[in-house]
Amino acid sequence: MKTAVYYNNNDIRIEDRPEPEIKDGEILVKVKASGICGTDLMEWYRIKKAPRVLGHEMTGEIAESRSDKFKIGQRVFVSHHVPCNECKYCLAGNHTACETLHKGNYDPGGFSELVRVPKINVEEGTYILPGNVSYEEGTMVEPLACVLRAQRIIGVRGGQTVLIMGSGISGLLNIRVAKLKKAKVIATDVVGYRLNRAKDYGADEVYNAGEELKIKADRIIMCTGAMPAFEAAFRYIDRKGVIMLFAIPNKNISIPVEDFWRNELSIVSSYGAAPVDLEEALELIKSGKINVKDMITHKVGLEDIQKGFKIAGEAKDSLKVVVVP
């Protein structure tokens, strides 16, 4: 089978690998669509484990099943990370801190023609795609689930002012979820195209990130890794406010300790999503409460994945780039 093997952002090679053989309880999925995530573009993070097959926003059709739960031909979304549901983190509702979730994955990755889904992922992370949800739309389940979890952690609600810094795909999803929660939303970016889309998707106010804002936000969600944005966030956060590290920079940030102490501020982070988040995300997409179809701006074949990475990395007139093997 064909796989796209990541060596670095500018070196993704199409290589042949044997088709995976599944064991009892597992399924083999023919990949129909796999989204390019912002974390896939974080070369400083991804290159540590290169060469490898990336792709964790995957949908497809079951080509072979050795599970009593699923049948050949079913359309599915498959989560790459699943919790054990038994450790102290899971029992406390902190599933994304589970060691099993951090270590697990499917084989080899969504940027390939076929994927073997381990038994635990079959049991805890495989979902039937509703008939009204396309394979491409299904790739948005995991990104939306991550947003739902992040906003739940920081308690986004009506009456708050939420500043979303960075209006790429994660920023736009955060805008839509925050508006569902009746919050006032302010969005920033350096790209005019994305600012326009932020306004289209419900932001009450949009600003070029180069401007100095005269606002104080109750919640700030960082959807960019740009260091100037993190420096600015400390100026924009209101007393008792919370800064959510949804995206991270490639180096450590300095915290104005006196302001944090005096104004009782908090910085928190969010990594991934739990089954409850994935289920909610799928339902929001199915019901049409969150429209993700118009966020998918580009599709490329597996052979053209390098082009897809270039489009996504340049961040000009693209939002979500989906690889269709």
C-alpha atoms as a PDB file:
ATOM      1  CA  MET A   1       0.000   0.000   0.000  1.00  0.00           C
ATOM      2  CA  LYS A   2       1.020   3.621  -0.471  1.00  0.00           C
ATOM      3  CA  THR A   3       2.038   5.678   2.564  1.00  0.00           C
ATOM      4  CA  ALA A   4       3.232   9.271   2.947  1.00  0.00           C
ATOM      5  CA  VAL A   5       6.293   9.140   5.206  1.00  0.00           C
ATOM      6  CA  TYR A   6       7.233  12.350   6.995  1.00  0.00           C
ATOM      7  CA  TYR A   7      10.944  13.206   7.252  1.00  0.00           C
ATOM      8  CA  ASN A   8      10.481  16.957   7.645  1.00  0.00           C
ATOM      9  CA  ASN A   9       8.017  19.582   6.432  1.00  0.00           C
ATOM     10  CA  ASN A  10       9.677  19.745   3.024  1.00  0.00           C
ATOM     11  CA  ASP A  11      10.444  16.050   2.664  1.00  0.00           C
ATOM     12  CA  ILE A  12       7.389  13.790   2.649  1.00  0.00           C
ATOM     13  CA  ARG A  13       7.966  10.668   0.586  1.00  0.00           C
ATOM     14  CA  ILE A  14       5.443   8.302  -0.943  1.00  0.00           C
ATOM     15  CA  GLU A  15       6.641   4.841   0.027  1.00  0.00           C
ATOM     16  CA  ASP A  16       5.265   1.316  -0.332  1.00  0.00           C
ATOM     17  CA  ARG A  17       4.601  -0.715   2.798  1.00  0.00           C
ATOM     18  CA  PRO A  18       2.976  -4.105   3.328  1.00  0.00           C
ATOM     19  CA  GLU A  19      -0.739  -3.994   4.105  1.00  0.00           C
ATOM     20  CA  PRO A  20      -1.265  -4.281   7.884  1.00  0.00           C
ATOM     21  CA  GLU A  21      -2.534  -7.603   9.197  1.00  0.00           C
ATOM     22  CA  ILE A  22      -5.255  -7.328  11.805  1.00  0.00           C
ATOM     23  CA  LYS A  23      -5.740  -9.458  14.930  1.00  0.00           C
ATOM     24  CA  ASP A  24      -8.815 -10.412  16.945  1.00  0.00           C
ATOM     25  CA  GLY A  25     -10.842  -7.382  17.929  1.00  0.00           C
ATOM     26  CA  GLU A  26      -9.202  -5.158  15.301  1.00  0.00           C
ATOM     27  CA  ILE A  27     -10.416  -3.593  12.062  1.00  0.00           C
ATOM     28  CA  LEU A  28      -8.708  -2.540   8.843  1.00  0.00           C
ATOM     29  CA  VAL A  29      -9.885   0.787   7.456  1.00  0.00           C
ATOM     30  CA  LYS A  30      -9.542   2.033   3.896  1.00  0.00           C
ATOM     31  CA  VAL A  31      -8.726   5.694   4.396  1.00  0.00           C
ATOM     32  CA  LYS A  32     -11.092   8.065   2.589  1.00  0.00           C
ATOM     33  CA  ALA A  33      -9.962  11.377   4.073  1.00  0.00           C
ATOM     34  CA  SER A  34      -7.379  12.616   6.577  1.00  0.00           C
ATOM     35  CA  GLY A  35      -6.928  16.221   7.639  1.00  0.00           C
ATOM     36  CA  ILE A  36      -3.619  18.045   7.937  1.00  0.00           C
ATOM     37  CA  CYS A  37      -3.509  19.329  11.517  1.00  0.00           C
ATOM     38  CA  GLY A  38      -1.634  22.393  12.688  1.00  0.00           C
ATOM     39  CA  THR A  39       0.458  20.103  14.891  1.00  0.00           C
ATOM     40  CA  ASP A  40       1.525  18.152  11.782  1.00  0.00           C
ATOM     41  CA  LEU A  41       3.182  21.384  10.629  1.00  0.00           C
ATOM     42  CA  MET A  42       5.122  21.858  13.899  1.00  0.00           C
ATOM     43  CA  GLU A  43       8.412  20.584  12.495  1.00  0.00           C
ATOM     44  CA  TRP A  44      10.347  21.169  15.724  1.00  0.00           C
ATOM     45  CA  TYR A  45       7.867  18.837  17.435  1.00  0.00           C
ATOM     46  CA  ARG A  46       7.279  16.229  14.722  1.00  0.00           C
ATOM     47  CA  ILE A  47      10.847  15.765  13.535  1.00  0.00           C
ATOM     48  CA  LYS A  48      11.829  14.175  16.860  1.00  0.00           C
ATOM     49  CA  LYS A  49      10.112  10.938  15.807  1.00  0.00           C
ATOM     50  CA  ALA A  50      10.742  11.120  12.056  1.00  0.00           C
ATOM     51  CA  PRO A  51      10.549   9.246   9.802  1.00  0.00           C
ATOM     52  CA  ARG A  52       6.920   8.364  10.491  1.00  0.00           C
ATOM     53  CA  VAL A  53       3.465   8.350   8.914  1.00  0.00           C
ATOM     54  CA  LEU A  54       1.398  11.205  10.308  1.00  0.00           C
ATOM     55  CA  GLY A  55      -2.332  11.808  10.021  1.00  0.00           C
ATOM     56  CA  HIS A  56      -4.686  11.563  13.016  1.00  0.00           C
ATOM     57  CA  GLU A  57      -7.900  13.170  11.712  1.00  0.00           C
ATOM     58  CA  MET A  58      -8.980  10.108   9.772  1.00  0.00           C
ATOM     59  CA  THR A  59     -12.191   8.748   8.285  1.00  0.00           C
ATOM     60  CA  GLY A  60     -12.710   5.742   6.063  1.00  0.00           C
ATOM     61  CA  GLU A  61     -14.554   2.558   5.198  1.00  0.00           C
ATOM     62  CA  ILE A  62     -14.016  -0.718   7.021  1.00  0.00           C
ATOM     63  CA  ALA A  63     -12.241  -3.067   4.624  1.00  0.00           C
ATOM     64  CA  GLU A  64     -11.813  -5.975   7.051  1.00  0.00           C
ATOM     65  CA  SER A  65     -13.156  -6.647  10.528  1.00  0.00           C
ATOM     66  CA  ARG A  66     -12.292  -9.086  13.287  1.00  0.00           C
ATOM     67  CA  SER A  67     -14.492  -7.214  15.747  1.00  0.00           C
ATOM     68  CA  ASP A  68     -18.046  -8.123  16.715  1.00  0.00           C
ATOM     69  CA  LYS A  69     -18.781  -4.411  16.967  1.00  0.00           C
ATOM     70  CA  PHE A  70     -18.178  -3.375  13.344  1.00  0.00           C
ATOM     71  CA  LYS A  71     -18.817  -4.757   9.871  1.00  0.00           C
ATOM     72  CA  ILE A  72     -17.117  -4.479   6.491  1.00  0.00           C
ATOM     73  CA  GLY A  73     -18.380  -1.492   4.522  1.00  0.00           C
ATOM     74  CA  GLN A  74     -19.300   0.719   7.463  1.00  0.00           C
ATOM     75  CA  ARG A  75     -18.249   4.371   7.303  1.00  0.00           C
ATOM     76  CA  VAL A  76     -16.249   5.390  10.369  1.00  0.00           C
ATOM     77  CA  PHE A  77     -14.283   8.107  12.091  1.00  0.00           C
ATOM     78  CA  VAL A  78     -11.394   6.704  14.137  1.00  0.00           C
ATOM     79  CA  SER A  79      -9.682   8.471  17.010  1.00  0.00           C
ATOM     80  CA  HIS A  80      -5.939   7.869  17.231  1.00  0.00           C
ATOM     81  CA  HIS A  81      -5.728   8.511  21.002  1.00  0.00           C
ATOM     82  CA  VAL A  82      -7.977   6.681  23.471  1.00  0.00           C
ATOM     83  CA  PRO A  83      -7.885   6.459  27.278  1.00  0.00           C
ATOM     84  CA  CYS A  84      -7.783   3.332  29.430  1.00  0.00           C
ATOM     85  CA  ASN A  85     -10.779   4.456  31.548  1.00  0.00           C
ATOM     86  CA  GLU A  86      -9.187   2.765  34.572  1.00  0.00           C
ATOM     87  CA  CYS A  87      -6.296   4.946  35.806  1.00  0.00           C
ATOM     88  CA  LYS A  88      -6.601   7.727  38.383  1.00  0.00           C
ATOM     89  CA  TYR A  89      -6.695  10.370  35.647  1.00  0.00           C
ATOM     90  CA  CYS A  90      -9.561   8.723  33.774  1.00  0.00           C
ATOM     91  CA  LEU A  91     -11.523   8.067  36.972  1.00  0.00           C
ATOM     92  CA  ALA A  92     -11.209  11.774  37.813  1.00  0.00           C
ATOM     93  CA  GLY A  93     -12.457  12.789  34.358  1.00  0.00           C
ATOM     94  CA  ASN A  94      -8.987  13.823  33.177  1.00  0.00           C
ATOM     95  CA  HIS A  95      -8.813  11.351  30.297  1.00  0.00           C
ATOM     96  CA  THR A  96      -6.308  13.368  28.267  1.00  0.00           C
ATOM     97  CA  ALA A  97      -3.722  12.932  31.033  1.00  0.00           C
ATOM     98  CA  CYS A  98      -3.993   9.134  30.717  1.00  0.00           C
ATOM     99  CA  GLU A  99      -0.719   7.426  29.808  1.00  0.00           C
ATOM    100  CA  THR A 100      -2.541   4.994  27.526  1.00  0.00           C
ATOM    101  CA  LEU A 101      -4.021   7.900  25.586  1.00  0.00           C
ATOM    102  CA  HIS A 102      -0.593   9.456  25.111  1.00  0.00           C
ATOM    103  CA  LYS A 103       1.093   6.239  24.011  1.00  0.00           C
ATOM    104  CA  GLY A 104      -1.570   4.731  21.755  1.00  0.00           C
ATOM    105  CA  ASN A 105      -2.084   5.271  18.044  1.00  0.00           C
ATOM    106  CA  TYR A 106      -3.266   3.460  14.970  1.00  0.00           C
ATOM    107  CA  ASP A 107      -1.010   1.773  12.434  1.00  0.00           C
ATOM    108  CA  PRO A 108       0.596   3.395  10.531  1.00  0.00           C
ATOM    109  CA  GLY A 109      -1.194   6.784  10.325  1.00  0.00           C
ATOM    110  CA  GLY A 110      -3.970   8.501   8.409  1.00  0.00           C
ATOM    111  CA  PHE A 111      -1.725   9.564   5.534  1.00  0.00           C
ATOM    112  CA  SER A 112      -1.821   6.097   4.010  1.00  0.00           C
ATOM    113  CA  GLU A 113      -4.193   3.933   2.007  1.00  0.00           C
ATOM    114  CA  LEU A 114      -5.004   1.504   4.820  1.00  0.00           C
ATOM    115  CA  VAL A 115      -4.917   1.726   8.619  1.00  0.00           C
ATOM    116  CA  ARG A 116      -4.953  -1.048  11.214  1.00  0.00           C
ATOM    117  CA  VAL A 117      -7.029  -0.004  14.209  1.00  0.00           C
ATOM    118  CA  PRO A 118      -5.920  -1.678  17.484  1.00  0.00           C
ATOM    119  CA  LYS A 119      -8.560  -3.320  19.666  1.00  0.00           C
ATOM    120  CA  ILE A 120      -8.613  -0.542  22.279  1.00  0.00           C
ATOM    121  CA  ASN A 121      -9.163   2.065  19.548  1.00  0.00           C
ATOM    122  CA  VAL A 122     -11.920  -0.078  18.067  1.00  0.00           C
ATOM    123  CA  GLU A 123     -13.650  -0.297  21.453  1.00  0.00           C
ATOM    124  CA  GLU A 124     -13.075   3.253  22.681  1.00  0.00           C
ATOM    125  CA  GLY A 125     -12.432   5.439  19.643  1.00  0.00           C
ATOM    126  CA  THR A 126     -14.281   4.252  16.537  1.00  0.00           C
ATOM    127  CA  TYR A 127     -17.555   5.936  15.585  1.00  0.00           C
ATOM    128  CA  ILE A 128     -20.035   5.334  12.779  1.00  0.00           C
ATOM    129  CA  LEU A 129     -20.284   8.357  10.493  1.00  0.00           C
ATOM    130  CA  PRO A 130     -23.903   9.475  10.071  1.00  0.00           C
ATOM    131  CA  GLY A 131     -25.189   9.373   6.510  1.00  0.00           C
ATOM    132  CA  ASN A 132     -25.398  13.164   6.296  1.00  0.00           C
ATOM    133  CA  VAL A 133     -21.729  13.632   7.298  1.00  0.00           C
ATOM    134  CA  SER A 134     -19.188  13.294   4.475  1.00  0.00           C
ATOM    135  CA  TYR A 135     -15.785  11.685   4.928  1.00  0.00           C
ATOM    136  CA  GLU A 136     -14.205  15.137   4.602  1.00  0.00           C
ATOM    137  CA  GLU A 137     -16.512  16.636   7.240  1.00  0.00           C
ATOM    138  CA  GLY A 138     -15.737  13.675   9.492  1.00  0.00           C
ATOM    139  CA  THR A 139     -12.074  14.710   9.616  1.00  0.00           C
ATOM    140  CA  MET A 140     -13.232  17.736  11.621  1.00  0.00           C
ATOM    141  CA  VAL A 141     -14.597  15.654  14.510  1.00  0.00           C
ATOM    142  CA  GLU A 142     -11.258  15.452  16.315  1.00  0.00           C
ATOM    143  CA  PRO A 143     -10.303  19.142  15.918  1.00  0.00           C
ATOM    144  CA  LEU A 144     -13.760  20.233  17.099  1.00  0.00           C
ATOM    145  CA  ALA A 145     -13.580  17.828  20.047  1.00  0.00           C
ATOM    146  CA  CYS A 146     -10.279  19.391  21.123  1.00  0.00           C
ATOM    147  CA  VAL A 147     -11.938  22.821  21.087  1.00  0.00           C
ATOM    148  CA  LEU A 148     -14.906  21.603  23.124  1.00  0.00           C
ATOM    149  CA  ARG A 149     -12.602  20.196  25.771  1.00  0.00           C
ATOM    150  CA  ALA A 150     -10.456  23.328  25.949  1.00  0.00           C
ATOM    151  CA  GLN A 151     -13.450  25.607  26.406  1.00  0.00           C
ATOM    152  CA  ARG A 152     -14.938  23.297  29.008  1.00  0.00           C
ATOM    153  CA  ILE A 153     -11.672  23.442  30.978  1.00  0.00           C
ATOM    154  CA  ILE A 154     -11.715  27.243  31.145  1.00  0.00           C
ATOM    155  CA  GLY A 155     -15.476  27.537  31.585  1.00  0.00           C
ATOM    156  CA  VAL A 156     -16.409  29.680  28.592  1.00  0.00           C
ATOM    157  CA  ARG A 157     -19.970  30.966  29.042  1.00  0.00           C
ATOM    158  CA  GLY A 158     -22.357  33.772  28.208  1.00  0.00           C
ATOM    159  CA  GLY A 159     -21.467  37.212  29.551  1.00  0.00           C
ATOM    160  CA  GLN A 160     -17.735  36.690  29.113  1.00  0.00           C
ATOM    161  CA  THR A 161     -15.439  38.406  26.655  1.00  0.00           C
ATOM    162  CA  VAL A 162     -13.336  35.768  24.906  1.00  0.00           C
ATOM    163  CA  LEU A 163     -10.280  36.804  22.891  1.00  0.00           C
ATOM    164  CA  ILE A 164      -9.165  34.235  20.318  1.00  0.00           C
ATOM    165  CA  MET A 165      -5.655  34.938  19.077  1.00  0.00           C
ATOM    166  CA  GLY A 166      -5.134  33.307  15.697  1.00  0.00           C
ATOM    167  CA  SER A 167      -7.963  32.725  13.219  1.00  0.00           C
ATOM    168  CA  GLY A 168      -6.829  29.608  11.422  1.00  0.00           C
ATOM    169  CA  ILE A 169      -8.940  26.474  11.589  1.00  0.00           C
ATOM    170  CA  SER A 170      -8.599  26.040  15.370  1.00  0.00           C
ATOM    171  CA  GLY A 171      -9.372  29.711  15.920  1.00  0.00           C
ATOM    172  CA  LEU A 172     -12.493  29.545  13.767  1.00  0.00           C
ATOM    173  CA  LEU A 173     -13.727  26.431  15.556  1.00  0.00           C
ATOM    174  CA  ASN A 174     -13.153  28.199  18.872  1.00  0.00           C
ATOM    175  CA  ILE A 175     -15.130  31.191  17.596  1.00  0.00           C
ATOM    176  CA  ARG A 176     -18.097  29.015  16.656  1.00  0.00           C
ATOM    177  CA  VAL A 177     -18.107  27.118  19.936  1.00  0.00           C
ATOM    178  CA  ALA A 178     -17.738  30.281  22.035  1.00  0.00           C
ATOM    179  CA  LYS A 179     -20.641  31.877  20.147  1.00  0.00           C
ATOM    180  CA  LEU A 180     -22.761  28.778  20.824  1.00  0.00           C
ATOM    181  CA  LYS A 181     -22.057  29.484  24.489  1.00  0.00           C
ATOM    182  CA  LYS A 182     -23.280  33.103  24.032  1.00  0.00           C
ATOM    183  CA  ALA A 183     -19.910  34.716  24.782  1.00  0.00           C
ATOM    184  CA  LYS A 184     -18.697  37.943  23.191  1.00  0.00           C
ATOM    185  CA  VAL A 185     -15.875  36.959  20.842  1.00  0.00           C
ATOM    186  CA  ILE A 186     -12.943  39.038  19.648  1.00  0.00           C
ATOM    187  CA  ALA A 187     -10.545  37.502  17.116  1.00  0.00           C
ATOM    188  CA  THR A 188      -7.090  38.451  15.833  1.00  0.00           C
ATOM    189  CA  ASP A 189      -4.782  37.339  13.035  1.00  0.00           C
ATOM    190  CA  VAL A 190      -2.149  38.815  10.725  1.00  0.00           C
ATOM    191  CA  VAL A 191      -3.803  37.489   7.541  1.00  0.00           C
ATOM    192  CA  GLY A 192      -6.665  39.506   6.092  1.00  0.00           C
ATOM    193  CA  TYR A 193      -8.349  36.442   4.580  1.00  0.00           C
ATOM    194  CA  ARG A 194      -8.571  34.783   7.980  1.00  0.00           C
ATOM    195  CA  LEU A 195      -9.859  37.915   9.672  1.00  0.00           C
ATOM    196  CA  ASN A 196     -12.646  38.062   7.105  1.00  0.00           C
ATOM    197  CA  ARG A 197     -13.492  34.422   7.759  1.00  0.00           C
ATOM    198  CA  ALA A 198     -13.457  35.050  11.509  1.00  0.00           C
ATOM    199  CA  LYS A 199     -16.093  37.746  10.991  1.00  0.00           C
ATOM    200  CA  ASP A 200     -18.097  35.420   8.746  1.00  0.00           C
ATOM    201  CA  TYR A 201     -18.003  32.717  11.394  1.00  0.00           C
ATOM    202  CA  GLY A 202     -19.421  34.886  14.136  1.00  0.00           C
ATOM    203  CA  ALA A 203     -16.679  36.966  15.765  1.00  0.00           C
ATOM    204  CA  ASP A 204     -18.146  40.167  17.173  1.00  0.00           C
ATOM    205  CA  GLU A 205     -14.929  42.104  16.538  1.00  0.00           C
ATOM    206  CA  VAL A 206     -11.796  41.321  14.527  1.00  0.00           C
ATOM    207  CA  TYR A 207      -8.411  43.018  14.634  1.00  0.00           C
ATOM    208  CA  ASN A 208      -5.066  42.701  12.922  1.00  0.00           C
ATOM    209  CA  ALA A 209      -2.696  41.150  15.449  1.00  0.00           C
ATOM    210  CA  GLY A 210      -0.264  43.995  14.778  1.00  0.00           C
ATOM    211  CA  GLU A 211      -2.649  46.475  16.392  1.00  0.00           C
ATOM    212  CA  GLU A 212      -2.564  47.197  20.113  1.00  0.00           C
ATOM    213  CA  LEU A 213      -6.009  46.314  21.436  1.00  0.00           C
ATOM    214  CA  LYS A 214      -7.833  48.358  24.036  1.00  0.00           C
ATOM    215  CA  ILE A 215      -9.659  45.443  25.586  1.00  0.00           C
ATOM    216  CA  LYS A 216      -9.593  43.229  28.621  1.00  0.00           C
ATOM    217  CA  ALA A 217     -10.723  39.657  28.107  1.00  0.00           C
ATOM    218  CA  ASP A 218     -12.046  37.196  30.669  1.00  0.00           C
ATOM    219  CA  ARG A 219     -10.695  34.288  28.651  1.00  0.00           C
ATOM    220  CA  ILE A 220      -7.935  34.232  26.028  1.00  0.00           C
ATOM    221  CA  ILE A 221      -7.507  31.204  23.773  1.00  0.00           C
ATOM    222  CA  MET A 222      -4.133  30.994  22.066  1.00  0.00           C
ATOM    223  CA  CYS A 223      -4.566  29.518  18.575  1.00  0.00           C
ATOM    224  CA  THR A 224      -1.206  30.649  17.251  1.00  0.00           C
ATOM    225  CA  GLY A 225       2.374  29.791  18.120  1.00  0.00           C
ATOM    226  CA  ALA A 226       3.624  33.318  17.378  1.00  0.00           C
ATOM    227  CA  MET A 227       5.617  34.627  20.326  1.00  0.00           C
ATOM    228  CA  PRO A 228       4.361  38.260  19.962  1.00  0.00           C
ATOM    229  CA  ALA A 229       0.822  36.962  20.483  1.00  0.00           C
ATOM    230  CA  PHE A 230       1.776  35.367  23.803  1.00  0.00           C
ATOM    231  CA  GLU A 231       3.456  38.567  24.931  1.00  0.00           C
ATOM    232  CA  ALA A 232       0.341  40.524  23.997  1.00  0.00           C
ATOM    233  CA  ALA A 233      -1.974  38.100  25.795  1.00  0.00           C
ATOM    234  CA  PHE A 234      -0.522  39.125  29.149  1.00  0.00           C
ATOM    235  CA  ARG A 235      -1.537  42.725  28.410  1.00  0.00           C
ATOM    236  CA  TYR A 236      -5.072  41.807  27.362  1.00  0.00           C
ATOM    237  CA  ILE A 237      -6.120  39.430  30.130  1.00  0.00           C
ATOM    238  CA  ASP A 238      -8.478  40.848  32.753  1.00  0.00           C
ATOM    239  CA  ARG A 239      -8.275  40.262  36.492  1.00  0.00           C
ATOM    240  CA  LYS A 240      -9.179  36.686  37.448  1.00  0.00           C
ATOM    241  CA  GLY A 241      -8.807  35.836  33.760  1.00  0.00           C
ATOM    242  CA  VAL A 242      -7.566  32.591  32.230  1.00  0.00           C
ATOM    243  CA  ILE A 243      -5.214  32.123  29.264  1.00  0.00           C
ATOM    244  CA  MET A 244      -5.681  28.813  27.458  1.00  0.00           C
ATOM    245  CA  LEU A 245      -2.639  27.416  25.650  1.00  0.00           C
ATOM    246  CA  PHE A 246      -4.465  25.694  22.800  1.00  0.00           C
ATOM    247  CA  ALA A 247      -1.421  26.245  20.580  1.00  0.00           C
ATOM    248  CA  ILE A 248       2.127  26.609  21.848  1.00  0.00           C
ATOM    249  CA  PRO A 249       5.277  28.412  20.673  1.00  0.00           C
ATOM    250  CA  ASN A 250       8.533  26.588  19.936  1.00  0.00           C
ATOM    251  CA  LYS A 251      10.245  28.021  23.007  1.00  0.00           C
ATOM    252  CA  ASN A 252       9.422  28.849  26.599  1.00  0.00           C
ATOM    253  CA  ILE A 253       7.438  31.942  27.462  1.00  0.00           C
ATOM    254  CA  SER A 254       8.137  34.451  30.223  1.00  0.00           C
ATOM    255  CA  ILE A 255       5.343  35.089  32.705  1.00  0.00           C
ATOM    256  CA  PRO A 256       4.903  38.505  34.384  1.00  0.00           C
ATOM    257  CA  VAL A 257       4.782  36.967  37.848  1.00  0.00           C
ATOM    258  CA  GLU A 258       3.761  40.122  39.740  1.00  0.00           C
ATOM    259  CA  ASP A 259       0.723  40.660  37.505  1.00  0.00           C
ATOM    260  CA  PHE A 260      -0.282  37.022  37.875  1.00  0.00           C
ATOM    261  CA  TRP A 261      -0.023  37.201  41.642  1.00  0.00           C
ATOM    262  CA  ARG A 262      -1.690  40.578  42.070  1.00  0.00           C
ATOM    263  CA  ASN A 263      -4.489  39.991  39.543  1.00  0.00           C
ATOM    264  CA  GLU A 264      -5.012  36.295  40.323  1.00  0.00           C
ATOM    265  CA  LEU A 265      -4.510  35.154  36.750  1.00  0.00           C
ATOM    266  CA  SER A 266      -4.226  31.600  35.448  1.00  0.00           C
ATOM    267  CA  ILE A 267      -2.541  29.867  32.513  1.00  0.00           C
ATOM    268  CA  VAL A 268      -3.821  26.422  31.583  1.00  0.00           C
ATOM    269  CA  SER A 269      -3.310  24.057  28.679  1.00  0.00           C
ATOM    270  CA  SER A 270      -5.383  21.482  26.865  1.00  0.00           C
ATOM    271  CA  TYR A 271      -4.124  18.470  24.957  1.00  0.00           C
ATOM    272  CA  GLY A 272      -6.333  16.348  22.736  1.00  0.00           C
ATOM    273  CA  ALA A 273      -9.855  15.135  23.388  1.00  0.00           C
ATOM    274  CA  ALA A 274     -11.665  12.425  25.318  1.00  0.00           C
ATOM    275  CA  PRO A 275     -14.480  10.169  24.084  1.00  0.00           C
ATOM    276  CA  VAL A 276     -17.127  12.460  25.582  1.00  0.00           C
ATOM    277  CA  ASP A 277     -15.717  15.355  23.539  1.00  0.00           C
ATOM    278  CA  LEU A 278     -15.602  13.307  20.337  1.00  0.00           C
ATOM    279  CA  GLU A 279     -19.208  12.216  20.787  1.00  0.00           C
ATOM    280  CA  GLU A 280     -20.347  15.806  21.351  1.00  0.00           C
ATOM    281  CA  ALA A 281     -18.378  17.019  18.335  1.00  0.00           C
ATOM    282  CA  LEU A 282     -19.891  14.369  16.080  1.00  0.00           C
ATOM    283  CA  GLU A 283     -23.387  15.280  17.254  1.00  0.00           C
ATOM    284  CA  LEU A 284     -22.790  19.020  16.660  1.00  0.00           C
ATOM    285  CA  ILE A 285     -21.625  18.308  13.103  1.00  0.00           C
ATOM    286  CA  LYS A 286     -24.453  15.854  12.453  1.00  0.00           C
ATOM    287  CA  SER A 287     -27.097  18.304  13.703  1.00  0.00           C
ATOM    288  CA  GLY A 288     -25.662  21.206  11.719  1.00  0.00           C
ATOM    289  CA  LYS A 289     -25.128  23.333  14.833  1.00  0.00           C
ATOM    290  CA  ILE A 290     -21.469  23.584  13.801  1.00  0.00           C
ATOM    291  CA  ASN A 291     -20.987  23.845  10.039  1.00  0.00           C
ATOM    292  CA  VAL A 292     -17.547  22.526   9.158  1.00  0.00           C
ATOM    293  CA  LYS A 293     -18.078  21.934   5.443  1.00  0.00           C
ATOM    294  CA  ASP A 294     -17.140  25.479   4.443  1.00  0.00           C
ATOM    295  CA  MET A 295     -13.937  25.289   6.505  1.00  0.00           C
ATOM    296  CA  ILE A 296     -12.490  22.649   4.173  1.00  0.00           C
ATOM    297  CA  THR A 297     -10.823  24.819   1.552  1.00  0.00           C
ATOM    298  CA  HIS A 298      -8.438  22.388  -0.142  1.00  0.00           C
ATOM    299  CA  LYS A 299      -8.257  18.682  -0.987  1.00  0.00           C
ATOM    300  CA  VAL A 300      -5.170  16.897  -2.281  1.00  0.00           C
ATOM    301  CA  GLY A 301      -4.416  13.298  -3.219  1.00  0.00           C
ATOM    302  CA  LEU A 302      -1.927  11.239  -1.240  1.00  0.00           C
ATOM    303  CA  GLU A 303       0.629  11.674  -4.030  1.00  0.00           C
ATOM    304  CA  ASP A 304       0.272  15.462  -3.640  1.00  0.00           C
ATOM    305  CA  ILE A 305       0.568  15.594   0.145  1.00  0.00           C
ATOM    306  CA  GLN A 306       3.722  17.714  -0.079  1.00  0.00           C
ATOM    307  CA  LYS A 307       1.661  20.328  -1.907  1.00  0.00           C
ATOM    308  CA  GLY A 308      -0.955  20.064   0.837  1.00  0.00           C
ATOM    309  CA  PHE A 309       1.636  20.716   3.539  1.00  0.00           C
ATOM    310  CA  LYS A 310       2.864  23.747   1.591  1.00  0.00           C
ATOM    311  CA  ILE A 311      -0.651  25.178   1.266  1.00  0.00           C
ATOM    312  CA  ALA A 312      -1.412  24.608   4.939  1.00  0.00           C
ATOM    313  CA  GLY A 313       1.954  25.972   6.057  1.00  0.00           C
ATOM    314  CA  GLU A 314       1.740  29.174   4.025  1.00  0.00           C
ATOM    315  CA  ALA A 315      -1.614  29.994   5.677  1.00  0.00           C
ATOM    316  CA  LYS A 316      -2.736  32.387   2.954  1.00  0.00           C
ATOM    317  CA  ASP A 317      -6.182  31.519   1.618  1.00  0.00           C
ATOM    318  CA  SER A 318      -6.454  28.102   3.221  1.00  0.00           C
ATOM    319  CA  LEU A 319      -8.211  26.835   6.326  1.00  0.00           C
ATOM    320  CA  LYS A 320      -8.438  23.052   6.423  1.00  0.00           C
ATOM    321  CA  VAL A 321      -6.460  20.977   3.920  1.00  0.00           C
ATOM    322  CA  VAL A 322      -7.668  17.388   3.619  1.00  0.00           C
ATOM    323  CA  VAL A 323      -5.701  14.513   2.097  1.00  0.00           C
ATOM    324  CA  VAL A 324      -7.892  12.138   0.068  1.00  0.00           C
ATOM    325  CA  PRO A 325      -5.942   8.923  -0.703  1.00  0.00           C
END
